[in-house]
């Protein structure tokens, strides 16, 4: 379900006017960012690695988490559970060409 669909359902369920569209979208985003999903869309086998390699991008402004670019999913994420390999600091990153610098919003 997209965020717009969730906001539309929220407005319809409570019979609110579309005037509250922005508030419904903010609430939908808030809920979506706090819901954790354990299942990945990809089927992982028992002996597959359970972590992804990422690129350290900085620190979160909202919490004590790290901001990391996930190389597998091509998304920015925040996580507290990060293991930083300092020996790989000068290693070239393997980011494919479909990720454009303008897509990443850094604070």
PDB file of N, CA and C in Angstrom:
ATOM      1  N   UNK A   1       0.835  -1.180   0.000  1.00  0.00           N
ATOM      2  CA  UNK A   1       0.000   0.000   0.000  1.00  0.00           C
ATOM      3  C   UNK A   1       0.881   1.243   0.000  1.00  0.00           C
ATOM      4  N   UNK A   2       0.492   2.248  -0.768  1.00  0.00           N
ATOM      5  CA  UNK A   2       1.271   3.475  -0.795  1.00  0.00           C
ATOM      6  C   UNK A   2       0.841   4.391   0.344  1.00  0.00           C
ATOM      7  N   UNK A   3       1.637   5.412   0.579  1.00  0.00           N
ATOM      8  CA  UNK A   3       1.309   6.366   1.633  1.00  0.00           C
ATOM      9  C   UNK A   3       0.018   7.116   1.317  1.00  0.00           C
ATOM     10  N   UNK A   4      -0.184   7.443   0.044  1.00  0.00           N
ATOM     11  CA  UNK A   4      -1.410   8.150  -0.337  1.00  0.00           C
ATOM     12  C   UNK A   4      -2.645   7.302  -0.071  1.00  0.00           C
ATOM     13  N   UNK A   5      -2.568   6.015  -0.389  1.00  0.00           N
ATOM     14  CA  UNK A   5      -3.711   5.138  -0.131  1.00  0.00           C
ATOM     15  C   UNK A   5      -4.011   5.062   1.357  1.00  0.00           C
ATOM     16  N   UNK A   6      -2.969   4.959   2.165  1.00  0.00           N
ATOM     17  CA  UNK A   6      -3.166   4.885   3.614  1.00  0.00           C
ATOM     18  C   UNK A   6      -3.795   6.165   4.150  1.00  0.00           C
ATOM     19  N   UNK A   7      -3.330   7.311   3.655  1.00  0.00           N
ATOM     20  CA  UNK A   7      -3.895   8.587   4.100  1.00  0.00           C
ATOM     21  C   UNK A   7      -5.353   8.710   3.658  1.00  0.00           C
ATOM     22  N   UNK A   8      -5.657   8.272   2.443  1.00  0.00           N
ATOM     23  CA  UNK A   8      -7.028   8.324   1.942  1.00  0.00           C
ATOM     24  C   UNK A   8      -7.948   7.446   2.793  1.00  0.00           C
ATOM     25  N   UNK A   9      -7.485   6.244   3.140  1.00  0.00           N
ATOM     26  CA  UNK A   9      -8.280   5.348   3.986  1.00  0.00           C
ATOM     27  C   UNK A   9      -8.494   5.966   5.362  1.00  0.00           C
ATOM     28  N   UNK A  10      -7.452   6.607   5.889  1.00  0.00           N
ATOM     29  CA  UNK A  10      -7.556   7.239   7.203  1.00  0.00           C
ATOM     30  C   UNK A  10      -8.622   8.340   7.190  1.00  0.00           C
ATOM     31  N   UNK A  11      -8.617   9.175   6.154  1.00  0.00           N
ATOM     32  CA  UNK A  11      -9.610  10.248   6.047  1.00  0.00           C
ATOM     33  C   UNK A  11     -11.018   9.681   5.861  1.00  0.00           C
ATOM     34  N   UNK A  12     -11.125   8.660   5.022  1.00  0.00           N
ATOM     35  CA  UNK A  12     -12.437   8.074   4.744  1.00  0.00           C
ATOM     36  C   UNK A  12     -13.008   7.363   5.974  1.00  0.00           C
ATOM     37  N   UNK A  13     -12.170   6.663   6.722  1.00  0.00           N
ATOM     38  CA  UNK A  13     -12.635   5.906   7.887  1.00  0.00           C
ATOM     39  C   UNK A  13     -13.211   6.822   8.962  1.00  0.00           C
ATOM     40  N   UNK A  14     -12.632   7.996   9.111  1.00  0.00           N
ATOM     41  CA  UNK A  14     -13.111   8.938  10.133  1.00  0.00           C
ATOM     42  C   UNK A  14     -14.003  10.030   9.562  1.00  0.00           C
ATOM     43  N   UNK A  15     -14.314   9.917   8.251  1.00  0.00           N
ATOM     44  CA  UNK A  15     -15.192  10.879   7.565  1.00  0.00           C
ATOM     45  C   UNK A  15     -14.714  12.315   7.738  1.00  0.00           C
ATOM     46  N   UNK A  16     -13.407  12.496   7.554  1.00  0.00           N
ATOM     47  CA  UNK A  16     -12.813  13.827   7.653  1.00  0.00           C
ATOM     48  C   UNK A  16     -12.757  14.470   6.277  1.00  0.00           C
ATOM     49  N   UNK A  17     -12.848  15.797   6.196  1.00  0.00           N
ATOM     50  CA  UNK A  17     -12.735  16.470   4.898  1.00  0.00           C
ATOM     51  C   UNK A  17     -11.287  16.432   4.396  1.00  0.00           C
ATOM     52  N   UNK A  18     -11.136  16.650   3.090  1.00  0.00           N
ATOM     53  CA  UNK A  18      -9.804  16.626   2.496  1.00  0.00           C
ATOM     54  C   UNK A  18      -8.915  17.760   2.993  1.00  0.00           C
ATOM     55  N   UNK A  19      -9.482  18.669   3.753  1.00  0.00           N
ATOM     56  CA  UNK A  19      -8.703  19.734   4.372  1.00  0.00           C
ATOM     57  C   UNK A  19      -7.587  19.160   5.246  1.00  0.00           C
ATOM     58  N   UNK A  20      -7.822  17.976   5.816  1.00  0.00           N
ATOM     59  CA  UNK A  20      -6.851  17.337   6.703  1.00  0.00           C
ATOM     60  C   UNK A  20      -5.888  16.407   5.964  1.00  0.00           C
ATOM     61  N   UNK A  21      -5.786  16.550   4.647  1.00  0.00           N
ATOM     62  CA  UNK A  21      -4.932  15.687   3.838  1.00  0.00           C
ATOM     63  C   UNK A  21      -3.474  15.707   4.310  1.00  0.00           C
ATOM     64  N   UNK A  22      -2.932  16.872   4.572  1.00  0.00           N
ATOM     65  CA  UNK A  22      -1.527  16.977   4.990  1.00  0.00           C
ATOM     66  C   UNK A  22      -1.302  16.305   6.341  1.00  0.00           C
ATOM     67  N   UNK A  23      -2.240  16.477   7.251  1.00  0.00           N
ATOM     68  CA  UNK A  23      -2.110  15.836   8.565  1.00  0.00           C
ATOM     69  C   UNK A  23      -2.194  14.317   8.445  1.00  0.00           C
ATOM     70  N   UNK A  24      -3.070  13.842   7.576  1.00  0.00           N
ATOM     71  CA  UNK A  24      -3.185  12.396   7.363  1.00  0.00           C
ATOM     72  C   UNK A  24      -1.906  11.837   6.750  1.00  0.00           C
ATOM     73  N   UNK A  25      -1.304  12.570   5.816  1.00  0.00           N
ATOM     74  CA  UNK A  25      -0.037  12.119   5.216  1.00  0.00           C
ATOM     75  C   UNK A  25       1.081  12.103   6.251  1.00  0.00           C
ATOM     76  N   UNK A  26       1.154  13.141   7.097  1.00  0.00           N
ATOM     77  CA  UNK A  26       2.177  13.164   8.148  1.00  0.00           C
ATOM     78  C   UNK A  26       2.006  11.998   9.109  1.00  0.00           C
ATOM     79  N   UNK A  27       0.777  11.719   9.496  1.00  0.00           N
ATOM     80  CA  UNK A  27       0.517  10.606  10.408  1.00  0.00           C
ATOM     81  C   UNK A  27       0.849   9.276   9.748  1.00  0.00           C
ATOM     82  N   UNK A  28       0.496   9.136   8.477  1.00  0.00           N
ATOM     83  CA  UNK A  28       0.806   7.910   7.746  1.00  0.00           C
ATOM     84  C   UNK A  28       2.312   7.697   7.659  1.00  0.00           C
ATOM     85  N   UNK A  29       3.065   8.749   7.355  1.00  0.00           N
ATOM     86  CA  UNK A  29       4.530   8.643   7.294  1.00  0.00           C
ATOM     87  C   UNK A  29       5.104   8.280   8.659  1.00  0.00           C
ATOM     88  N   UNK A  30       4.591   8.896   9.708  1.00  0.00           N
ATOM     89  CA  UNK A  30       5.053   8.621  11.065  1.00  0.00           C
ATOM     90  C   UNK A  30       4.853   7.147  11.407  1.00  0.00           C
ATOM     91  N   UNK A  31       3.657   6.633  11.127  1.00  0.00           N
ATOM     92  CA  UNK A  31       3.367   5.229  11.426  1.00  0.00           C
ATOM     93  C   UNK A  31       4.217   4.308  10.557  1.00  0.00           C
ATOM     94  N   UNK A  32       4.328   4.620   9.281  1.00  0.00           N
ATOM     95  CA  UNK A  32       5.094   3.783   8.351  1.00  0.00           C
ATOM     96  C   UNK A  32       6.564   3.681   8.760  1.00  0.00           C
ATOM     97  N   UNK A  33       7.138   4.762   9.244  1.00  0.00           N
ATOM     98  CA  UNK A  33       8.549   4.760   9.626  1.00  0.00           C
ATOM     99  C   UNK A  33       8.810   4.043  10.940  1.00  0.00           C
ATOM    100  N   UNK A  34       7.783   3.768  11.701  1.00  0.00           N
ATOM    101  CA  UNK A  34       7.970   3.092  12.982  1.00  0.00           C
ATOM    102  C   UNK A  34       7.533   1.634  12.979  1.00  0.00           C
ATOM    103  N   UNK A  35       6.912   1.206  11.917  1.00  0.00           N
ATOM    104  CA  UNK A  35       6.509  -0.194  11.802  1.00  0.00           C
ATOM    105  C   UNK A  35       7.691  -0.979  11.252  1.00  0.00           C
ATOM    106  N   UNK A  36       8.063  -2.028  11.944  1.00  0.00           N
ATOM    107  CA  UNK A  36       9.179  -2.845  11.475  1.00  0.00           C
ATOM    108  C   UNK A  36       8.645  -4.101  10.812  1.00  0.00           C
ATOM    109  N   UNK A  37       9.258  -4.453   9.731  1.00  0.00           N
ATOM    110  CA  UNK A  37       8.903  -5.672   9.020  1.00  0.00           C
ATOM    111  C   UNK A  37      10.088  -6.616   9.085  1.00  0.00           C
ATOM    112  N   UNK A  38       9.864  -7.795   9.570  1.00  0.00           N
ATOM    113  CA  UNK A  38      10.938  -8.776   9.689  1.00  0.00           C
ATOM    114  C   UNK A  38      11.166  -9.523   8.382  1.00  0.00           C
ATOM    115  N   UNK A  39      10.118  -9.750   7.624  1.00  0.00           N
ATOM    116  CA  UNK A  39      10.243 -10.543   6.406  1.00  0.00           C
ATOM    117  C   UNK A  39      10.730  -9.662   5.264  1.00  0.00           C
ATOM    118  N   UNK A  40      11.718 -10.154   4.560  1.00  0.00           N
ATOM    119  CA  UNK A  40      12.233  -9.477   3.384  1.00  0.00           C
ATOM    120  C   UNK A  40      11.493 -10.035   2.173  1.00  0.00           C
ATOM    121  N   UNK A  41      11.319  -9.234   1.147  1.00  0.00           N
ATOM    122  CA  UNK A  41      10.624  -9.732  -0.039  1.00  0.00           C
ATOM    123  C   UNK A  41      11.414 -10.849  -0.714  1.00  0.00           C
ATOM    124  N   UNK A  42      12.711 -10.805  -0.589  1.00  0.00           N
ATOM    125  CA  UNK A  42      13.534 -11.866  -1.154  1.00  0.00           C
ATOM    126  C   UNK A  42      13.519 -13.056  -0.211  1.00  0.00           C
ATOM    127  N   UNK A  43      13.472 -14.231  -0.776  1.00  0.00           N
ATOM    128  CA  UNK A  43      13.521 -15.434   0.041  1.00  0.00           C
ATOM    129  C   UNK A  43      14.972 -15.706   0.420  1.00  0.00           C
ATOM    130  N   UNK A  44      15.255 -15.680   1.695  1.00  0.00           N
ATOM    131  CA  UNK A  44      16.597 -15.985   2.174  1.00  0.00           C
ATOM    132  C   UNK A  44      16.614 -17.401   2.714  1.00  0.00           C
ATOM    133  N   UNK A  45      17.708 -18.074   2.445  1.00  0.00           N
ATOM    134  CA  UNK A  45      17.861 -19.418   2.977  1.00  0.00           C
ATOM    135  C   UNK A  45      18.502 -19.348   4.349  1.00  0.00           C
ATOM    136  N   UNK A  46      18.505 -20.457   5.023  1.00  0.00           N
ATOM    137  CA  UNK A  46      18.956 -20.525   6.408  1.00  0.00           C
ATOM    138  C   UNK A  46      20.408 -20.067   6.583  1.00  0.00           C
ATOM    139  N   UNK A  47      21.273 -20.392   5.649  1.00  0.00           N
ATOM    140  CA  UNK A  47      22.694 -20.095   5.797  1.00  0.00           C
ATOM    141  C   UNK A  47      23.116 -18.812   5.074  1.00  0.00           C
ATOM    142  N   UNK A  48      22.179 -18.073   4.511  1.00  0.00           N
ATOM    143  CA  UNK A  48      22.508 -16.799   3.868  1.00  0.00           C
ATOM    144  C   UNK A  48      22.856 -15.761   4.928  1.00  0.00           C
ATOM    145  N   UNK A  49      23.675 -14.766   4.570  1.00  0.00           N
ATOM    146  CA  UNK A  49      23.990 -13.714   5.544  1.00  0.00           C
ATOM    147  C   UNK A  49      22.740 -12.925   5.917  1.00  0.00           C
ATOM    148  N   UNK A  50      22.679 -12.502   7.165  1.00  0.00           N
ATOM    149  CA  UNK A  50      21.510 -11.776   7.655  1.00  0.00           C
ATOM    150  C   UNK A  50      21.717 -10.267   7.661  1.00  0.00           C
ATOM    151  N   UNK A  51      22.835  -9.815   7.180  1.00  0.00           N
ATOM    152  CA  UNK A  51      23.098  -8.381   7.181  1.00  0.00           C
ATOM    153  C   UNK A  51      23.436  -7.922   5.770  1.00  0.00           C
ATOM    154  N   UNK A  52      23.395  -6.626   5.569  1.00  0.00           N
ATOM    155  CA  UNK A  52      23.736  -6.024   4.291  1.00  0.00           C
ATOM    156  C   UNK A  52      24.933  -5.108   4.471  1.00  0.00           C
ATOM    157  N   UNK A  53      25.709  -4.982   3.423  1.00  0.00           N
ATOM    158  CA  UNK A  53      26.829  -4.056   3.443  1.00  0.00           C
ATOM    159  C   UNK A  53      26.311  -2.673   3.086  1.00  0.00           C
ATOM    160  N   UNK A  54      26.843  -1.664   3.750  1.00  0.00           N
ATOM    161  CA  UNK A  54      26.390  -0.308   3.500  1.00  0.00           C
ATOM    162  C   UNK A  54      27.534   0.683   3.531  1.00  0.00           C
ATOM    163  N   UNK A  55      27.210   1.920   3.221  1.00  0.00           N
ATOM    164  CA  UNK A  55      28.183   3.009   3.215  1.00  0.00           C
ATOM    165  C   UNK A  55      27.775   3.996   4.301  1.00  0.00           C
ATOM    166  N   UNK A  56      28.683   4.283   5.220  1.00  0.00           N
ATOM    167  CA  UNK A  56      28.419   5.221   6.310  1.00  0.00           C
ATOM    168  C   UNK A  56      28.247   6.614   5.724  1.00  0.00           C
ATOM    169  N   UNK A  57      27.095   7.251   6.017  1.00  0.00           N
ATOM    170  CA  UNK A  57      26.801   8.570   5.473  1.00  0.00           C
ATOM    171  C   UNK A  57      26.789   9.660   6.532  1.00  0.00           C
ATOM    172  N   UNK A  58      26.721   9.288   7.806  1.00  0.00           N
ATOM    173  CA  UNK A  58      26.704  10.292   8.859  1.00  0.00           C
ATOM    174  C   UNK A  58      25.863   9.838  10.027  1.00  0.00           C
ATOM    175  N   UNK A  59      25.411  10.813  10.798  1.00  0.00           N
ATOM    176  CA  UNK A  59      24.647  10.537  12.009  1.00  0.00           C
ATOM    177  C   UNK A  59      23.227  11.062  11.856  1.00  0.00           C
ATOM    178  N   UNK A  60      22.293  10.389  12.476  1.00  0.00           N
ATOM    179  CA  UNK A  60      20.896  10.800  12.442  1.00  0.00           C
ATOM    180  C   UNK A  60      20.717  12.087  13.240  1.00  0.00           C
ATOM    181  N   UNK A  61      19.835  12.942  12.768  1.00  0.00           N
ATOM    182  CA  UNK A  61      19.536  14.171  13.503  1.00  0.00           C
ATOM    183  C   UNK A  61      18.421  13.954  14.516  1.00  0.00           C
ATOM    184  N   UNK A  62      17.674  12.854  14.378  1.00  0.00           N
ATOM    185  CA  UNK A  62      16.527  12.598  15.242  1.00  0.00           C
ATOM    186  C   UNK A  62      16.808  11.624  16.376  1.00  0.00           C
ATOM    187  N   UNK A  63      17.849  10.816  16.242  1.00  0.00           N
ATOM    188  CA  UNK A  63      18.126   9.794  17.253  1.00  0.00           C
ATOM    189  C   UNK A  63      19.633   9.562  17.316  1.00  0.00           C
ATOM    190  N   UNK A  64      20.037   8.553  18.068  1.00  0.00           N
ATOM    191  CA  UNK A  64      21.458   8.270  18.177  1.00  0.00           C
ATOM    192  C   UNK A  64      21.913   7.222  17.167  1.00  0.00           C
ATOM    193  N   UNK A  65      21.177   7.074  16.086  1.00  0.00           N
ATOM    194  CA  UNK A  65      21.467   6.077  15.062  1.00  0.00           C
ATOM    195  C   UNK A  65      22.454   6.623  14.032  1.00  0.00           C
ATOM    196  N   UNK A  66      22.991   5.707  13.237  1.00  0.00           N
ATOM    197  CA  UNK A  66      23.854   6.048  12.114  1.00  0.00           C
ATOM    198  C   UNK A  66      23.004   6.090  10.846  1.00  0.00           C
ATOM    199  N   UNK A  67      23.380   6.966   9.906  1.00  0.00           N
ATOM    200  CA  UNK A  67      22.742   6.985   8.590  1.00  0.00           C
ATOM    201  C   UNK A  67      23.630   6.184   7.653  1.00  0.00           C
ATOM    202  N   UNK A  68      23.039   5.196   7.000  1.00  0.00           N
ATOM    203  CA  UNK A  68      23.786   4.264   6.164  1.00  0.00           C
ATOM    204  C   UNK A  68      23.065   4.118   4.829  1.00  0.00           C
ATOM    205  N   UNK A  69      23.851   4.104   3.739  1.00  0.00           N
ATOM    206  CA  UNK A  69      23.300   3.804   2.420  1.00  0.00           C
ATOM    207  C   UNK A  69      23.420   2.307   2.209  1.00  0.00           C
ATOM    208  N   UNK A  70      22.294   1.615   2.092  1.00  0.00           N
ATOM    209  CA  UNK A  70      22.273   0.170   1.907  1.00  0.00           C
ATOM    210  C   UNK A  70      22.600  -0.138   0.453  1.00  0.00           C
ATOM    211  N   UNK A  71      23.711  -0.833   0.218  1.00  0.00           N
ATOM    212  CA  UNK A  71      24.159  -1.118  -1.142  1.00  0.00           C
ATOM    213  C   UNK A  71      23.247  -2.098  -1.867  1.00  0.00           C
ATOM    214  N   UNK A  72      22.583  -2.990  -1.147  1.00  0.00           N
ATOM    215  CA  UNK A  72      21.723  -3.988  -1.786  1.00  0.00           C
ATOM    216  C   UNK A  72      20.384  -3.389  -2.207  1.00  0.00           C
ATOM    217  N   UNK A  73      19.743  -2.649  -1.306  1.00  0.00           N
ATOM    218  CA  UNK A  73      18.414  -2.108  -1.596  1.00  0.00           C
ATOM    219  C   UNK A  73      18.452  -0.713  -2.211  1.00  0.00           C
ATOM    220  N   UNK A  74      19.623  -0.090  -2.238  1.00  0.00           N
ATOM    221  CA  UNK A  74      19.804   1.257  -2.801  1.00  0.00           C
ATOM    222  C   UNK A  74      18.949   2.295  -2.084  1.00  0.00           C
ATOM    223  N   UNK A  75      18.895   2.206  -0.754  1.00  0.00           N
ATOM    224  CA  UNK A  75      18.112   3.151   0.035  1.00  0.00           C
ATOM    225  C   UNK A  75      18.938   3.661   1.205  1.00  0.00           C
ATOM    226  N   UNK A  76      18.564   4.845   1.695  1.00  0.00           N
ATOM    227  CA  UNK A  76      19.157   5.373   2.914  1.00  0.00           C
ATOM    228  C   UNK A  76      18.393   4.789   4.084  1.00  0.00           C
ATOM    229  N   UNK A  77      19.107   4.413   5.144  1.00  0.00           N
ATOM    230  CA  UNK A  77      18.445   3.884   6.319  1.00  0.00           C
ATOM    231  C   UNK A  77      19.174   4.341   7.564  1.00  0.00           C
ATOM    232  N   UNK A  78      18.485   4.296   8.680  1.00  0.00           N
ATOM    233  CA  UNK A  78      19.085   4.624   9.964  1.00  0.00           C
ATOM    234  C   UNK A  78      19.080   3.375  10.818  1.00  0.00           C
ATOM    235  N   UNK A  79      20.208   3.124  11.493  1.00  0.00           N
ATOM    236  CA  UNK A  79      20.307   1.926  12.315  1.00  0.00           C
ATOM    237  C   UNK A  79      21.272   2.166  13.459  1.00  0.00           C
ATOM    238  N   UNK A  80      20.961   1.553  14.590  1.00  0.00           N
ATOM    239  CA  UNK A  80      21.873   1.576  15.733  1.00  0.00           C
ATOM    240  C   UNK A  80      22.844   0.411  15.639  1.00  0.00           C
ATOM    241  N   UNK A  81      22.393  -0.687  15.035  1.00  0.00           N
ATOM    242  CA  UNK A  81      23.191  -1.905  14.946  1.00  0.00           C
ATOM    243  C   UNK A  81      24.085  -1.862  13.715  1.00  0.00           C
ATOM    244  N   UNK A  82      25.229  -1.206  13.847  1.00  0.00           N
ATOM    245  CA  UNK A  82      26.160  -1.046  12.743  1.00  0.00           C
ATOM    246  C   UNK A  82      27.537  -1.493  13.200  1.00  0.00           C
ATOM    247  N   UNK A  83      28.202  -2.270  12.363  1.00  0.00           N
ATOM    248  CA  UNK A  83      29.595  -2.641  12.606  1.00  0.00           C
ATOM    249  C   UNK A  83      30.410  -1.927  11.542  1.00  0.00           C
ATOM    250  N   UNK A  84      31.309  -1.040  11.972  1.00  0.00           N
ATOM    251  CA  UNK A  84      32.106  -0.251  11.040  1.00  0.00           C
ATOM    252  C   UNK A  84      33.467  -0.905  10.885  1.00  0.00           C
ATOM    253  N   UNK A  85      33.830  -1.200   9.639  1.00  0.00           N
ATOM    254  CA  UNK A  85      35.114  -1.819   9.322  1.00  0.00           C
ATOM    255  C   UNK A  85      36.068  -0.712   8.890  1.00  0.00           C
ATOM    256  N   UNK A  86      36.918  -0.256   9.814  1.00  0.00           N
ATOM    257  CA  UNK A  86      37.847   0.836   9.515  1.00  0.00           C
ATOM    258  C   UNK A  86      38.909   0.434   8.502  1.00  0.00           C
ATOM    259  N   UNK A  87      39.204  -0.847   8.392  1.00  0.00           N
ATOM    260  CA  UNK A  87      40.227  -1.275   7.436  1.00  0.00           C
ATOM    261  C   UNK A  87      39.745  -1.104   6.000  1.00  0.00           C
ATOM    262  N   UNK A  88      38.451  -0.995   5.805  1.00  0.00           N
ATOM    263  CA  UNK A  88      37.898  -0.820   4.463  1.00  0.00           C
ATOM    264  C   UNK A  88      37.597   0.642   4.165  1.00  0.00           C
ATOM    265  N   UNK A  89      38.139   1.570   4.947  1.00  0.00           N
ATOM    266  CA  UNK A  89      37.816   2.989   4.781  1.00  0.00           C
ATOM    267  C   UNK A  89      38.262   3.537   3.433  1.00  0.00           C
ATOM    268  N   UNK A  90      39.363   3.068   2.897  1.00  0.00           N
ATOM    269  CA  UNK A  90      39.866   3.580   1.626  1.00  0.00           C
ATOM    270  C   UNK A  90      39.450   2.711   0.448  1.00  0.00           C
ATOM    271  N   UNK A  91      38.636   1.723   0.677  1.00  0.00           N
ATOM    272  CA  UNK A  91      38.174   0.831  -0.377  1.00  0.00           C
ATOM    273  C   UNK A  91      37.190   1.565  -1.275  1.00  0.00           C
ATOM    274  N   UNK A  92      37.275   1.297  -2.576  1.00  0.00           N
ATOM    275  CA  UNK A  92      36.323   1.910  -3.494  1.00  0.00           C
ATOM    276  C   UNK A  92      34.955   1.294  -3.271  1.00  0.00           C
ATOM    277  N   UNK A  93      33.937   2.122  -3.355  1.00  0.00           N
ATOM    278  CA  UNK A  93      32.583   1.624  -3.145  1.00  0.00           C
ATOM    279  C   UNK A  93      32.019   1.102  -4.452  1.00  0.00           C
ATOM    280  N   UNK A  94      31.150   0.130  -4.342  1.00  0.00           N
ATOM    281  CA  UNK A  94      30.528  -0.489  -5.505  1.00  0.00           C
ATOM    282  C   UNK A  94      29.075  -0.058  -5.580  1.00  0.00           C
ATOM    283  N   UNK A  95      28.853   1.188  -5.974  1.00  0.00           N
ATOM    284  CA  UNK A  95      27.501   1.715  -6.122  1.00  0.00           C
ATOM    285  C   UNK A  95      27.224   1.808  -7.610  1.00  0.00           C
ATOM    286  N   UNK A  96      26.127   1.193  -8.030  1.00  0.00           N
ATOM    287  CA  UNK A  96      25.804   1.167  -9.447  1.00  0.00           C
ATOM    288  C   UNK A  96      25.389   2.544  -9.935  1.00  0.00           C
ATOM    289  N   UNK A  97      25.402   2.710 -11.246  1.00  0.00           N
ATOM    290  CA  UNK A  97      25.127   3.998 -11.849  1.00  0.00           C
ATOM    291  C   UNK A  97      23.699   4.482 -11.752  1.00  0.00           C
ATOM    292  N   UNK A  98      22.750   3.632 -11.321  1.00  0.00           N
ATOM    293  CA  UNK A  98      21.366   4.076 -11.271  1.00  0.00           C
ATOM    294  C   UNK A  98      21.059   4.935 -10.051  1.00  0.00           C
ATOM    295  N   UNK A  99      22.022   5.125  -9.177  1.00  0.00           N
ATOM    296  CA  UNK A  99      21.840   5.994  -8.020  1.00  0.00           C
ATOM    297  C   UNK A  99      22.489   7.329  -8.343  1.00  0.00           C
ATOM    298  N   UNK A 100      21.700   8.386  -8.287  1.00  0.00           N
ATOM    299  CA  UNK A 100      22.181   9.717  -8.621  1.00  0.00           C
ATOM    300  C   UNK A 100      22.338  10.508  -7.336  1.00  0.00           C
ATOM    301  N   UNK A 101      23.367  11.339  -7.267  1.00  0.00           N
ATOM    302  CA  UNK A 101      23.633  12.107  -6.051  1.00  0.00           C
ATOM    303  C   UNK A 101      22.449  12.981  -5.666  1.00  0.00           C
ATOM    304  N   UNK A 102      21.669  13.437  -6.645  1.00  0.00           N
ATOM    305  CA  UNK A 102      20.524  14.284  -6.324  1.00  0.00           C
ATOM    306  C   UNK A 102      19.406  13.505  -5.635  1.00  0.00           C
ATOM    307  N   UNK A 103      19.422  12.164  -5.744  1.00  0.00           N
ATOM    308  CA  UNK A 103      18.414  11.345  -5.070  1.00  0.00           C
ATOM    309  C   UNK A 103      18.639  11.285  -3.568  1.00  0.00           C
ATOM    310  N   UNK A 104      19.864  11.504  -3.131  1.00  0.00           N
ATOM    311  CA  UNK A 104      20.191  11.423  -1.716  1.00  0.00           C
ATOM    312  C   UNK A 104      20.060  12.798  -1.089  1.00  0.00           C
ATOM    313  N   UNK A 105      19.283  12.896  -0.042  1.00  0.00           N
ATOM    314  CA  UNK A 105      19.120  14.163   0.655  1.00  0.00           C
ATOM    315  C   UNK A 105      19.885  14.097   1.960  1.00  0.00           C
ATOM    316  N   UNK A 106      20.949  14.841   2.042  1.00  0.00           N
ATOM    317  CA  UNK A 106      21.752  14.867   3.250  1.00  0.00           C
ATOM    318  C   UNK A 106      21.413  16.109   4.043  1.00  0.00           C
ATOM    319  N   UNK A 107      21.371  15.964   5.352  1.00  0.00           N
ATOM    320  CA  UNK A 107      21.037  17.101   6.216  1.00  0.00           C
ATOM    321  C   UNK A 107      22.207  18.034   6.374  1.00  0.00           C
TER     322      UNK A 107
END
